[in-house]
Amino acid sequence: MKEKILEMLLASPGKPISGEEISRLLGISRTAIWKHIQALRAEGYEIESRTRQGYRLLQQPDLLTGQSIWPYLIADLRERIKIFHFHQLDSTNIYARKLATAGAPEGTVVIAESQWAGKGRKGRSWQSASGKGMWLTLVLRPPILPRQTTLLPLLTAVAVVEAVEKTVPGAACGIKWPNDVLAQNRKLAGILTEMSAELDMVNFVLVGVGVNLNQDEEDFAPDLLGTAISLKQLAGDKVNRGQFTAAFINAFWKLYERYLQEGAQAVLGPWRQKALVLGKEVIIHEYTGDWAGMALDIDEEGALLVRDEQQQIRRVLAGDVTLRLGEGQKNDTGF
């Protein structure tokens, strides 16, 4: 009920809503309304109350709690998403794994304001500045084979780009294979998926997502200057983190359900439209060495198809990809 009152306040920016109207619409007493308002105030919401006028929301706390996200979720998801919010964690993936191992259902979301041991692909560290980004992990229990989970990171990257486009229309960003989201050739978001599976079934998948939202240049560590970027830097102003997070969850779930119903093409088409590398000269960095070629496409398992300098088409399943830029241009977007 507290969330519904908050939704009403958010839907009436700058205008008071009378206790009588809230009581009529929600079917609760004025005393119950007051208790819920007090609970919202305790969470950091600044709510003005005036006799014969009602309640008016003046300011929201900049925290990614369920209350800040819930009003922006599509109605169908509000009962299916359960959010665990923390001010600080070692890693949202680590905590989500504990929950999933204990039986947490699909739709469990672990969010931290900051992480001190956030990780990206290949164990690389991920800087998670407090209150500046979206650092979360989704728990999934997809009824698919383990080999079919390779498309989930690509699906997630598409959802991040769609959330960016929804939150900041006109912001230009795209996907570097397999799942890094870049803007102005700098990293905006990274994705890390982990899985627990049997030979022929998936127990659970953890989808960890880190998106730089409200950092200024000085918020990034020195080694990230020139290689990382935030949505605030793209938009020229702070973004509503709760609204962005809901936009991501909405986009992710829509695409995820399409994938379960329709298969690989539900992911491959949108990914190709948002890809930065297809049709470009790239350098593939593998443990056996680096090689160059033309990125042509991805296949149904998410592998990158690259025509090398000997005109052979090679299938890339692991490794890092960078665009082959002109001399003197920098392309260092790994994490």
C-alpha atoms as a PDB file:
ATOM      1  CA  MET A   1       0.000   0.000   0.000  1.00  0.00           C
ATOM      2  CA  LYS A   2       2.911   2.334   0.736  1.00  0.00           C
ATOM      3  CA  GLU A   3       4.117   1.847  -2.847  1.00  0.00           C
ATOM      4  CA  LYS A   4       0.685   2.753  -4.222  1.00  0.00           C
ATOM      5  CA  ILE A   5       0.617   5.971  -2.214  1.00  0.00           C
ATOM      6  CA  LEU A   6       4.079   6.820  -3.525  1.00  0.00           C
ATOM      7  CA  GLU A   7       2.919   6.122  -7.071  1.00  0.00           C
ATOM      8  CA  MET A   8       0.038   8.585  -6.611  1.00  0.00           C
ATOM      9  CA  LEU A   9       2.405  11.259  -5.292  1.00  0.00           C
ATOM     10  CA  LEU A  10       4.807  10.712  -8.191  1.00  0.00           C
ATOM     11  CA  ALA A  11       1.939  10.972 -10.668  1.00  0.00           C
ATOM     12  CA  SER A  12       1.055  14.413  -9.298  1.00  0.00           C
ATOM     13  CA  PRO A  13       4.352  16.352  -9.355  1.00  0.00           C
ATOM     14  CA  GLY A  14       4.176  19.612  -7.436  1.00  0.00           C
ATOM     15  CA  LYS A  15       0.465  19.221  -6.665  1.00  0.00           C
ATOM     16  CA  PRO A  16      -1.030  18.066  -3.356  1.00  0.00           C
ATOM     17  CA  ILE A  17      -3.325  15.047  -3.144  1.00  0.00           C
ATOM     18  CA  SER A  18      -5.928  15.104  -0.408  1.00  0.00           C
ATOM     19  CA  GLY A  19      -6.078  12.383   2.198  1.00  0.00           C
ATOM     20  CA  GLU A  20      -9.750  11.992   1.311  1.00  0.00           C
ATOM     21  CA  GLU A  21      -8.900  11.180  -2.317  1.00  0.00           C
ATOM     22  CA  ILE A  22      -6.180   8.702  -1.338  1.00  0.00           C
ATOM     23  CA  SER A  23      -8.591   7.059   1.108  1.00  0.00           C
ATOM     24  CA  ARG A  24     -11.306   6.791  -1.541  1.00  0.00           C
ATOM     25  CA  LEU A  25      -9.030   5.388  -4.258  1.00  0.00           C
ATOM     26  CA  LEU A  26      -7.176   2.900  -2.068  1.00  0.00           C
ATOM     27  CA  GLY A  27      -9.929   2.014   0.385  1.00  0.00           C
ATOM     28  CA  ILE A  28      -7.892   2.677   3.527  1.00  0.00           C
ATOM     29  CA  SER A  29      -8.367   4.955   6.528  1.00  0.00           C
ATOM     30  CA  ARG A  30      -6.801   8.376   6.975  1.00  0.00           C
ATOM     31  CA  THR A  31      -4.849   6.963   9.933  1.00  0.00           C
ATOM     32  CA  ALA A  32      -3.396   4.218   7.731  1.00  0.00           C
ATOM     33  CA  ILE A  33      -2.444   6.820   5.118  1.00  0.00           C
ATOM     34  CA  TRP A  34      -0.613   8.854   7.754  1.00  0.00           C
ATOM     35  CA  LYS A  35       1.345   5.779   8.889  1.00  0.00           C
ATOM     36  CA  HIS A  36       2.405   5.005   5.308  1.00  0.00           C
ATOM     37  CA  ILE A  37       3.416   8.641   4.760  1.00  0.00           C
ATOM     38  CA  GLN A  38       5.541   8.467   7.921  1.00  0.00           C
ATOM     39  CA  ALA A  39       7.196   5.287   6.632  1.00  0.00           C
ATOM     40  CA  LEU A  40       8.036   7.015   3.338  1.00  0.00           C
ATOM     41  CA  ARG A  41       9.479   9.982   5.216  1.00  0.00           C
ATOM     42  CA  ALA A  42      11.651   7.601   7.239  1.00  0.00           C
ATOM     43  CA  GLU A  43      13.056   6.289   3.953  1.00  0.00           C
ATOM     44  CA  GLY A  44      14.092   9.787   2.907  1.00  0.00           C
ATOM     45  CA  TYR A  45      11.075  11.033   0.943  1.00  0.00           C
ATOM     46  CA  GLU A  46      10.348  14.694   1.707  1.00  0.00           C
ATOM     47  CA  ILE A  47       6.554  14.934   1.839  1.00  0.00           C
ATOM     48  CA  GLU A  48       4.704  18.101   2.743  1.00  0.00           C
ATOM     49  CA  SER A  49       1.313  17.883   4.454  1.00  0.00           C
ATOM     50  CA  ARG A  50      -1.087  20.821   4.670  1.00  0.00           C
ATOM     51  CA  THR A  51      -4.496  21.084   6.267  1.00  0.00           C
ATOM     52  CA  ARG A  52      -7.344  20.982   3.716  1.00  0.00           C
ATOM     53  CA  GLN A  53      -4.840  20.450   0.876  1.00  0.00           C
ATOM     54  CA  GLY A  54      -3.267  17.068   1.480  1.00  0.00           C
ATOM     55  CA  TYR A  55       0.135  15.588   0.741  1.00  0.00           C
ATOM     56  CA  ARG A  56       2.741  16.774  -1.746  1.00  0.00           C
ATOM     57  CA  LEU A  57       6.015  15.066  -2.672  1.00  0.00           C
ATOM     58  CA  LEU A  58       8.849  17.590  -2.573  1.00  0.00           C
ATOM     59  CA  GLN A  59      11.931  15.422  -2.989  1.00  0.00           C
ATOM     60  CA  GLN A  60      12.902  11.773  -3.409  1.00  0.00           C
ATOM     61  CA  PRO A  61      15.959  10.095  -1.873  1.00  0.00           C
ATOM     62  CA  ASP A  62      18.533   9.101  -4.462  1.00  0.00           C
ATOM     63  CA  LEU A  63      18.465   5.427  -3.515  1.00  0.00           C
ATOM     64  CA  LEU A  64      17.634   2.429  -5.690  1.00  0.00           C
ATOM     65  CA  THR A  65      15.093   0.992  -3.286  1.00  0.00           C
ATOM     66  CA  GLY A  66      12.017  -0.864  -4.415  1.00  0.00           C
ATOM     67  CA  GLN A  67       9.998   2.292  -3.719  1.00  0.00           C
ATOM     68  CA  SER A  68      12.046   4.341  -6.210  1.00  0.00           C
ATOM     69  CA  ILE A  69      11.767   1.664  -8.921  1.00  0.00           C
ATOM     70  CA  TRP A  70       8.283   0.215  -8.437  1.00  0.00           C
ATOM     71  CA  PRO A  71       6.234   3.178  -9.795  1.00  0.00           C
ATOM     72  CA  TYR A  72       8.023   2.934 -13.155  1.00  0.00           C
ATOM     73  CA  LEU A  73       7.719  -0.832 -13.607  1.00  0.00           C
ATOM     74  CA  ILE A  74       5.082  -2.104 -15.980  1.00  0.00           C
ATOM     75  CA  ALA A  75       2.089  -3.395 -14.019  1.00  0.00           C
ATOM     76  CA  ASP A  76       2.661  -7.030 -14.973  1.00  0.00           C
ATOM     77  CA  LEU A  77       6.093  -7.042 -13.315  1.00  0.00           C
ATOM     78  CA  ARG A  78       5.219  -5.422 -10.011  1.00  0.00           C
ATOM     79  CA  GLU A  79       4.157  -8.690  -8.421  1.00  0.00           C
ATOM     80  CA  ARG A  80       6.929 -10.746 -10.039  1.00  0.00           C
ATOM     81  CA  ILE A  81       9.994  -8.698  -9.133  1.00  0.00           C
ATOM     82  CA  LYS A  82      11.391  -8.865  -5.599  1.00  0.00           C
ATOM     83  CA  ILE A  83      14.107  -6.327  -4.850  1.00  0.00           C
ATOM     84  CA  PHE A  84      16.814  -6.710  -2.210  1.00  0.00           C
ATOM     85  CA  HIS A  85      18.493  -3.344  -1.651  1.00  0.00           C
ATOM     86  CA  PHE A  86      21.804  -2.776   0.152  1.00  0.00           C
ATOM     87  CA  HIS A  87      23.889   0.305   0.766  1.00  0.00           C
ATOM     88  CA  GLN A  88      27.065  -1.720   0.246  1.00  0.00           C
ATOM     89  CA  LEU A  89      27.954  -5.272  -0.785  1.00  0.00           C
ATOM     90  CA  ASP A  90      31.073  -7.094  -1.814  1.00  0.00           C
ATOM     91  CA  SER A  91      29.272  -8.034  -5.041  1.00  0.00           C
ATOM     92  CA  THR A  92      25.630  -8.279  -6.070  1.00  0.00           C
ATOM     93  CA  ASN A  93      26.466 -11.494  -7.933  1.00  0.00           C
ATOM     94  CA  ILE A  94      27.918 -13.067  -4.791  1.00  0.00           C
ATOM     95  CA  TYR A  95      24.846 -12.217  -2.715  1.00  0.00           C
ATOM     96  CA  ALA A  96      22.456 -13.252  -5.493  1.00  0.00           C
ATOM     97  CA  ARG A  97      24.222 -16.625  -5.720  1.00  0.00           C
ATOM     98  CA  LYS A  98      23.540 -17.212  -2.028  1.00  0.00           C
ATOM     99  CA  LEU A  99      19.872 -16.377  -2.531  1.00  0.00           C
ATOM    100  CA  ALA A 100      19.569 -18.519  -5.669  1.00  0.00           C
ATOM    101  CA  THR A 101      21.284 -21.485  -4.009  1.00  0.00           C
ATOM    102  CA  ALA A 102      18.777 -21.182  -1.157  1.00  0.00           C
ATOM    103  CA  GLY A 103      15.897 -21.307  -3.656  1.00  0.00           C
ATOM    104  CA  ALA A 104      15.167 -17.655  -4.465  1.00  0.00           C
ATOM    105  CA  PRO A 105      12.665 -17.490  -7.343  1.00  0.00           C
ATOM    106  CA  GLU A 106      13.138 -16.025 -10.781  1.00  0.00           C
ATOM    107  CA  GLY A 107      12.628 -12.287 -10.625  1.00  0.00           C
ATOM    108  CA  THR A 108      14.782 -11.779  -7.544  1.00  0.00           C
ATOM    109  CA  VAL A 109      16.866  -8.615  -7.994  1.00  0.00           C
ATOM    110  CA  VAL A 110      19.840  -7.702  -5.803  1.00  0.00           C
ATOM    111  CA  ILE A 111      20.839  -4.018  -5.875  1.00  0.00           C
ATOM    112  CA  ALA A 112      23.724  -2.293  -4.106  1.00  0.00           C
ATOM    113  CA  GLU A 113      24.482   1.416  -3.885  1.00  0.00           C
ATOM    114  CA  SER A 114      28.155   0.431  -4.015  1.00  0.00           C
ATOM    115  CA  GLN A 115      30.316  -2.704  -4.285  1.00  0.00           C
ATOM    116  CA  TRP A 116      33.843  -3.209  -3.021  1.00  0.00           C
ATOM    117  CA  ALA A 117      34.501  -6.388  -5.015  1.00  0.00           C
ATOM    118  CA  GLY A 118      32.477  -5.903  -8.194  1.00  0.00           C
ATOM    119  CA  LYS A 119      33.751  -7.987 -11.089  1.00  0.00           C
ATOM    120  CA  GLY A 120      33.471  -7.933 -14.849  1.00  0.00           C
ATOM    121  CA  ARG A 121      34.390 -10.502 -17.467  1.00  0.00           C
ATOM    122  CA  LYS A 122      37.551 -12.551 -16.852  1.00  0.00           C
ATOM    123  CA  GLY A 123      37.696 -11.452 -13.227  1.00  0.00           C
ATOM    124  CA  ARG A 124      38.478  -7.828 -14.010  1.00  0.00           C
ATOM    125  CA  SER A 125      37.481  -5.355 -11.328  1.00  0.00           C
ATOM    126  CA  TRP A 126      34.507  -3.047 -11.869  1.00  0.00           C
ATOM    127  CA  GLN A 127      34.430   0.332 -10.162  1.00  0.00           C
ATOM    128  CA  SER A 128      31.058   0.814  -8.443  1.00  0.00           C
ATOM    129  CA  ALA A 129      30.904   4.365  -7.093  1.00  0.00           C
ATOM    130  CA  SER A 130      28.348   4.833  -4.321  1.00  0.00           C
ATOM    131  CA  GLY A 131      25.016   6.209  -5.487  1.00  0.00           C
ATOM    132  CA  LYS A 132      26.317   6.924  -8.977  1.00  0.00           C
ATOM    133  CA  GLY A 133      25.255   3.932 -11.050  1.00  0.00           C
ATOM    134  CA  MET A 134      23.023   0.899 -11.363  1.00  0.00           C
ATOM    135  CA  TRP A 135      24.738  -2.126  -9.851  1.00  0.00           C
ATOM    136  CA  LEU A 136      22.404  -5.115  -9.806  1.00  0.00           C
ATOM    137  CA  THR A 137      22.033  -8.842 -10.379  1.00  0.00           C
ATOM    138  CA  LEU A 138      18.962 -10.644 -11.698  1.00  0.00           C
ATOM    139  CA  VAL A 139      18.189 -14.237 -10.715  1.00  0.00           C
ATOM    140  CA  LEU A 140      16.776 -16.267 -13.612  1.00  0.00           C
ATOM    141  CA  ARG A 141      15.575 -19.865 -13.828  1.00  0.00           C
ATOM    142  CA  PRO A 142      15.069 -20.298 -17.585  1.00  0.00           C
ATOM    143  CA  PRO A 143      13.624 -23.598 -18.879  1.00  0.00           C
ATOM    144  CA  ILE A 144      16.368 -23.948 -21.504  1.00  0.00           C
ATOM    145  CA  LEU A 145      19.487 -26.023 -22.089  1.00  0.00           C
ATOM    146  CA  PRO A 146      22.807 -24.747 -20.713  1.00  0.00           C
ATOM    147  CA  ARG A 147      24.179 -24.093 -24.219  1.00  0.00           C
ATOM    148  CA  GLN A 148      21.239 -21.758 -24.899  1.00  0.00           C
ATOM    149  CA  THR A 149      22.242 -19.400 -22.089  1.00  0.00           C
ATOM    150  CA  THR A 150      25.033 -17.941 -24.245  1.00  0.00           C
ATOM    151  CA  LEU A 151      22.522 -15.462 -25.682  1.00  0.00           C
ATOM    152  CA  LEU A 152      21.505 -14.058 -22.288  1.00  0.00           C
ATOM    153  CA  PRO A 153      24.450 -11.605 -22.069  1.00  0.00           C
ATOM    154  CA  LEU A 154      23.623 -10.317 -25.562  1.00  0.00           C
ATOM    155  CA  LEU A 155      19.957 -10.006 -24.615  1.00  0.00           C
ATOM    156  CA  THR A 156      20.949  -8.037 -21.519  1.00  0.00           C
ATOM    157  CA  ALA A 157      23.087  -5.630 -23.539  1.00  0.00           C
ATOM    158  CA  VAL A 158      20.138  -4.919 -25.834  1.00  0.00           C
ATOM    159  CA  ALA A 159      17.972  -4.172 -22.784  1.00  0.00           C
ATOM    160  CA  VAL A 160      20.583  -1.722 -21.453  1.00  0.00           C
ATOM    161  CA  VAL A 161      20.669   0.148 -24.769  1.00  0.00           C
ATOM    162  CA  GLU A 162      16.865   0.265 -24.882  1.00  0.00           C
ATOM    163  CA  ALA A 163      16.801   1.654 -21.324  1.00  0.00           C
ATOM    164  CA  VAL A 164      19.307   4.347 -22.331  1.00  0.00           C
ATOM    165  CA  GLU A 165      17.180   5.268 -25.351  1.00  0.00           C
ATOM    166  CA  LYS A 166      14.058   5.381 -23.164  1.00  0.00           C
ATOM    167  CA  THR A 167      15.643   7.494 -20.422  1.00  0.00           C
ATOM    168  CA  VAL A 168      17.732   9.849 -22.576  1.00  0.00           C
ATOM    169  CA  PRO A 169      16.205  10.019 -26.070  1.00  0.00           C
ATOM    170  CA  GLY A 170      18.865  10.735 -28.645  1.00  0.00           C
ATOM    171  CA  ALA A 171      21.759   9.368 -26.589  1.00  0.00           C
ATOM    172  CA  ALA A 172      23.980   7.428 -28.980  1.00  0.00           C
ATOM    173  CA  CYS A 173      25.298   4.110 -27.704  1.00  0.00           C
ATOM    174  CA  GLY A 174      25.734   0.594 -29.005  1.00  0.00           C
ATOM    175  CA  ILE A 175      27.063  -2.876 -28.246  1.00  0.00           C
ATOM    176  CA  LYS A 176      30.610  -4.129 -28.629  1.00  0.00           C
ATOM    177  CA  TRP A 177      30.612  -7.929 -28.866  1.00  0.00           C
ATOM    178  CA  PRO A 178      29.547  -9.673 -26.860  1.00  0.00           C
ATOM    179  CA  ASN A 179      27.912  -7.413 -24.316  1.00  0.00           C
ATOM    180  CA  ASP A 180      29.797  -4.206 -23.501  1.00  0.00           C
ATOM    181  CA  VAL A 181      27.713  -1.071 -24.040  1.00  0.00           C
ATOM    182  CA  LEU A 182      29.773   1.829 -25.396  1.00  0.00           C
ATOM    183  CA  ALA A 183      29.138   5.499 -26.065  1.00  0.00           C
ATOM    184  CA  GLN A 184      31.700   7.724 -27.770  1.00  0.00           C
ATOM    185  CA  ASN A 185      34.001   4.675 -27.799  1.00  0.00           C
ATOM    186  CA  ARG A 186      33.964   4.625 -23.974  1.00  0.00           C
ATOM    187  CA  LYS A 187      32.382   2.050 -21.694  1.00  0.00           C
ATOM    188  CA  LEU A 188      28.939   2.893 -20.357  1.00  0.00           C
ATOM    189  CA  ALA A 189      27.950  -0.555 -19.076  1.00  0.00           C
ATOM    190  CA  GLY A 190      29.306  -4.029 -18.498  1.00  0.00           C
ATOM    191  CA  ILE A 191      27.600  -7.384 -17.985  1.00  0.00           C
ATOM    192  CA  LEU A 192      28.677 -10.564 -16.210  1.00  0.00           C
ATOM    193  CA  THR A 193      26.598 -13.755 -16.331  1.00  0.00           C
ATOM    194  CA  GLU A 194      27.164 -16.824 -14.181  1.00  0.00           C
ATOM    195  CA  MET A 195      25.338 -20.132 -14.234  1.00  0.00           C
ATOM    196  CA  SER A 196      24.622 -23.185 -12.111  1.00  0.00           C
ATOM    197  CA  ALA A 197      23.611 -26.112 -14.302  1.00  0.00           C
ATOM    198  CA  GLU A 198      23.409 -29.865 -14.751  1.00  0.00           C
ATOM    199  CA  LEU A 199      24.328 -31.564 -18.014  1.00  0.00           C
ATOM    200  CA  ASP A 200      20.882 -31.044 -19.528  1.00  0.00           C
ATOM    201  CA  MET A 201      19.219 -28.383 -17.357  1.00  0.00           C
ATOM    202  CA  VAL A 202      19.830 -24.941 -15.898  1.00  0.00           C
ATOM    203  CA  ASN A 203      19.449 -24.513 -12.153  1.00  0.00           C
ATOM    204  CA  PHE A 204      19.798 -20.746 -12.253  1.00  0.00           C
ATOM    205  CA  VAL A 205      21.517 -17.924 -14.109  1.00  0.00           C
ATOM    206  CA  LEU A 206      22.837 -14.751 -12.501  1.00  0.00           C
ATOM    207  CA  VAL A 207      22.883 -11.679 -14.722  1.00  0.00           C
ATOM    208  CA  GLY A 208      25.074  -8.980 -13.219  1.00  0.00           C
ATOM    209  CA  VAL A 209      24.795  -5.515 -14.753  1.00  0.00           C
ATOM    210  CA  GLY A 210      26.772  -2.361 -14.052  1.00  0.00           C
ATOM    211  CA  VAL A 211      25.761   0.908 -15.713  1.00  0.00           C
ATOM    212  CA  ASN A 212      27.506   4.248 -15.157  1.00  0.00           C
ATOM    213  CA  LEU A 213      24.685   6.726 -14.599  1.00  0.00           C
ATOM    214  CA  ASN A 214      25.560   9.898 -12.694  1.00  0.00           C
ATOM    215  CA  GLN A 215      29.353  10.028 -12.528  1.00  0.00           C
ATOM    216  CA  ASP A 216      31.262  13.151 -13.432  1.00  0.00           C
ATOM    217  CA  GLU A 217      34.723  12.813 -14.952  1.00  0.00           C
ATOM    218  CA  GLU A 218      36.388  13.190 -11.546  1.00  0.00           C
ATOM    219  CA  ASP A 219      34.355  10.278 -10.142  1.00  0.00           C
ATOM    220  CA  PHE A 220      36.223   7.769 -12.307  1.00  0.00           C
ATOM    221  CA  ALA A 221      39.515   6.265 -11.174  1.00  0.00           C
ATOM    222  CA  PRO A 222      42.566   7.661 -12.998  1.00  0.00           C
ATOM    223  CA  ASP A 223      43.033   4.449 -14.977  1.00  0.00           C
ATOM    224  CA  LEU A 224      39.472   4.774 -16.346  1.00  0.00           C
ATOM    225  CA  LEU A 225      39.743   8.359 -17.582  1.00  0.00           C
ATOM    226  CA  GLY A 226      39.126   8.382 -21.301  1.00  0.00           C
ATOM    227  CA  THR A 227      37.791   4.814 -21.292  1.00  0.00           C
ATOM    228  CA  ALA A 228      34.616   5.132 -19.168  1.00  0.00           C
ATOM    229  CA  ILE A 229      31.595   7.397 -19.549  1.00  0.00           C
ATOM    230  CA  SER A 230      28.322   7.967 -17.696  1.00  0.00           C
ATOM    231  CA  LEU A 231      24.800   8.638 -18.883  1.00  0.00           C
ATOM    232  CA  LYS A 232      24.952  12.002 -17.104  1.00  0.00           C
ATOM    233  CA  GLN A 233      27.905  12.967 -19.286  1.00  0.00           C
ATOM    234  CA  LEU A 234      25.912  11.998 -22.374  1.00  0.00           C
ATOM    235  CA  ALA A 235      22.718  13.743 -21.271  1.00  0.00           C
ATOM    236  CA  GLY A 236      24.307  16.828 -19.736  1.00  0.00           C
ATOM    237  CA  ASP A 237      22.272  16.361 -16.556  1.00  0.00           C
ATOM    238  CA  LYS A 238      21.607  13.830 -13.807  1.00  0.00           C
ATOM    239  CA  VAL A 239      19.295  10.955 -14.635  1.00  0.00           C
ATOM    240  CA  ASN A 240      16.649   9.446 -12.385  1.00  0.00           C
ATOM    241  CA  ARG A 241      18.282   6.189 -11.313  1.00  0.00           C
ATOM    242  CA  GLY A 242      15.009   4.568 -10.261  1.00  0.00           C
ATOM    243  CA  GLN A 243      13.420   5.394 -13.589  1.00  0.00           C
ATOM    244  CA  PHE A 244      16.425   4.044 -15.504  1.00  0.00           C
ATOM    245  CA  THR A 245      16.519   0.833 -13.474  1.00  0.00           C
ATOM    246  CA  ALA A 246      12.826   0.227 -14.083  1.00  0.00           C
ATOM    247  CA  ALA A 247      13.303   0.942 -17.794  1.00  0.00           C
ATOM    248  CA  PHE A 248      16.071  -1.671 -17.874  1.00  0.00           C
ATOM    249  CA  ILE A 249      14.027  -4.300 -16.017  1.00  0.00           C
ATOM    250  CA  ASN A 250      11.008  -3.626 -18.246  1.00  0.00           C
ATOM    251  CA  ALA A 251      13.082  -3.960 -21.427  1.00  0.00           C
ATOM    252  CA  PHE A 252      14.952  -7.012 -20.154  1.00  0.00           C
ATOM    253  CA  TRP A 253      11.834  -8.936 -19.178  1.00  0.00           C
ATOM    254  CA  LYS A 254      10.048  -8.202 -22.422  1.00  0.00           C
ATOM    255  CA  LEU A 255      13.004  -9.467 -24.450  1.00  0.00           C
ATOM    256  CA  TYR A 256      13.657 -12.409 -22.105  1.00  0.00           C
ATOM    257  CA  GLU A 257      10.088 -13.664 -22.447  1.00  0.00           C
ATOM    258  CA  ARG A 258      10.259 -13.273 -26.218  1.00  0.00           C
ATOM    259  CA  TYR A 259      13.457 -15.326 -26.251  1.00  0.00           C
ATOM    260  CA  LEU A 260      11.852 -18.128 -24.241  1.00  0.00           C
ATOM    261  CA  GLN A 261       8.864 -18.170 -26.596  1.00  0.00           C
ATOM    262  CA  GLU A 262      10.478 -17.523 -29.990  1.00  0.00           C
ATOM    263  CA  GLY A 263      14.085 -18.630 -29.641  1.00  0.00           C
ATOM    264  CA  ALA A 264      17.352 -17.095 -30.805  1.00  0.00           C
ATOM    265  CA  GLN A 265      15.958 -14.760 -33.474  1.00  0.00           C
ATOM    266  CA  ALA A 266      14.178 -12.740 -30.789  1.00  0.00           C
ATOM    267  CA  VAL A 267      17.636 -11.712 -29.553  1.00  0.00           C
ATOM    268  CA  LEU A 268      19.800 -11.780 -32.666  1.00  0.00           C
ATOM    269  CA  GLY A 269      17.762  -9.253 -34.646  1.00  0.00           C
ATOM    270  CA  PRO A 270      17.734  -6.524 -31.963  1.00  0.00           C
ATOM    271  CA  TRP A 271      21.402  -7.188 -31.129  1.00  0.00           C
ATOM    272  CA  ARG A 272      22.457  -6.763 -34.773  1.00  0.00           C
ATOM    273  CA  GLN A 273      20.586  -3.454 -34.959  1.00  0.00           C
ATOM    274  CA  LYS A 274      22.503  -2.099 -31.964  1.00  0.00           C
ATOM    275  CA  ALA A 275      25.909  -3.664 -32.697  1.00  0.00           C
ATOM    276  CA  LEU A 276      28.947  -1.438 -33.177  1.00  0.00           C
ATOM    277  CA  VAL A 277      31.298  -4.032 -34.653  1.00  0.00           C
ATOM    278  CA  LEU A 278      29.429  -5.637 -37.542  1.00  0.00           C
ATOM    279  CA  GLY A 279      30.891  -4.645 -40.887  1.00  0.00           C
ATOM    280  CA  LYS A 280      33.950  -3.159 -39.152  1.00  0.00           C
ATOM    281  CA  GLU A 281      37.620  -4.074 -39.041  1.00  0.00           C
ATOM    282  CA  VAL A 282      38.342  -5.553 -35.620  1.00  0.00           C
ATOM    283  CA  ILE A 283      41.182  -7.029 -33.613  1.00  0.00           C
ATOM    284  CA  ILE A 284      40.465 -10.253 -31.733  1.00  0.00           C
ATOM    285  CA  HIS A 285      42.440 -10.722 -28.513  1.00  0.00           C
ATOM    286  CA  GLU A 286      42.662 -14.405 -27.552  1.00  0.00           C
ATOM    287  CA  TYR A 287      44.943 -16.255 -25.149  1.00  0.00           C
ATOM    288  CA  THR A 288      46.795 -17.699 -28.155  1.00  0.00           C
ATOM    289  CA  GLY A 289      47.458 -14.234 -29.565  1.00  0.00           C
ATOM    290  CA  ASP A 290      45.866 -11.344 -31.445  1.00  0.00           C
ATOM    291  CA  TRP A 291      44.569 -11.381 -34.988  1.00  0.00           C
ATOM    292  CA  ALA A 292      42.616  -9.020 -37.228  1.00  0.00           C
ATOM    293  CA  GLY A 293      39.651  -9.365 -39.527  1.00  0.00           C
ATOM    294  CA  MET A 294      36.224  -8.130 -40.586  1.00  0.00           C
ATOM    295  CA  ALA A 295      33.313  -8.760 -38.189  1.00  0.00           C
ATOM    296  CA  LEU A 296      30.490 -10.181 -40.308  1.00  0.00           C
ATOM    297  CA  ASP A 297      27.705 -11.447 -38.047  1.00  0.00           C
ATOM    298  CA  ILE A 298      26.807 -13.500 -34.978  1.00  0.00           C
ATOM    299  CA  ASP A 299      25.399 -17.014 -35.056  1.00  0.00           C
ATOM    300  CA  GLU A 300      22.585 -18.591 -33.035  1.00  0.00           C
ATOM    301  CA  GLU A 301      24.872 -19.227 -30.067  1.00  0.00           C
ATOM    302  CA  GLY A 302      26.125 -15.634 -30.003  1.00  0.00           C
ATOM    303  CA  ALA A 303      29.537 -16.417 -31.494  1.00  0.00           C
ATOM    304  CA  LEU A 304      31.087 -13.626 -33.570  1.00  0.00           C
ATOM    305  CA  LEU A 305      31.809 -14.571 -37.181  1.00  0.00           C
ATOM    306  CA  VAL A 306      34.972 -12.873 -38.430  1.00  0.00           C
ATOM    307  CA  ARG A 307      36.673 -13.073 -41.841  1.00  0.00           C
ATOM    308  CA  ASP A 308      40.411 -13.064 -41.166  1.00  0.00           C
ATOM    309  CA  GLU A 309      43.180 -11.697 -43.381  1.00  0.00           C
ATOM    310  CA  GLN A 310      43.471 -15.083 -45.111  1.00  0.00           C
ATOM    311  CA  GLN A 311      39.768 -14.778 -46.070  1.00  0.00           C
ATOM    312  CA  GLN A 312      38.792 -17.608 -43.731  1.00  0.00           C
ATOM    313  CA  ILE A 313      35.643 -17.178 -41.638  1.00  0.00           C
ATOM    314  CA  ARG A 314      36.432 -17.867 -38.004  1.00  0.00           C
ATOM    315  CA  ARG A 315      33.997 -18.362 -35.147  1.00  0.00           C
ATOM    316  CA  VAL A 316      34.887 -16.410 -32.003  1.00  0.00           C
ATOM    317  CA  LEU A 317      33.346 -17.726 -28.785  1.00  0.00           C
ATOM    318  CA  ALA A 318      35.657 -16.116 -26.237  1.00  0.00           C
ATOM    319  CA  GLY A 319      38.147 -13.296 -26.084  1.00  0.00           C
ATOM    320  CA  ASP A 320      38.062  -9.526 -26.386  1.00  0.00           C
ATOM    321  CA  VAL A 321      37.248  -7.477 -29.453  1.00  0.00           C
ATOM    322  CA  THR A 322      38.403  -3.956 -30.235  1.00  0.00           C
ATOM    323  CA  LEU A 323      37.719  -1.854 -33.276  1.00  0.00           C
ATOM    324  CA  ARG A 324      40.709  -1.500 -35.570  1.00  0.00           C
ATOM    325  CA  LEU A 325      41.128   2.268 -35.454  1.00  0.00           C
ATOM    326  CA  GLY A 326      43.493   4.513 -37.303  1.00  0.00           C
ATOM    327  CA  GLU A 327      46.992   5.176 -36.025  1.00  0.00           C
ATOM    328  CA  GLY A 328      47.033   7.304 -32.895  1.00  0.00           C
ATOM    329  CA  GLN A 329      43.414   6.600 -31.956  1.00  0.00           C
ATOM    330  CA  LYS A 330      42.797   4.959 -28.613  1.00  0.00           C
ATOM    331  CA  ASN A 331      40.545   1.957 -28.127  1.00  0.00           C
ATOM    332  CA  ASP A 332      40.884   0.581 -24.635  1.00  0.00           C
ATOM    333  CA  THR A 333      37.476  -0.452 -23.432  1.00  0.00           C
ATOM    334  CA  GLY A 334      38.154  -3.723 -21.659  1.00  0.00           C
ATOM    335  CA  PHE A 335      37.348  -4.163 -17.969  1.00  0.00           C
END
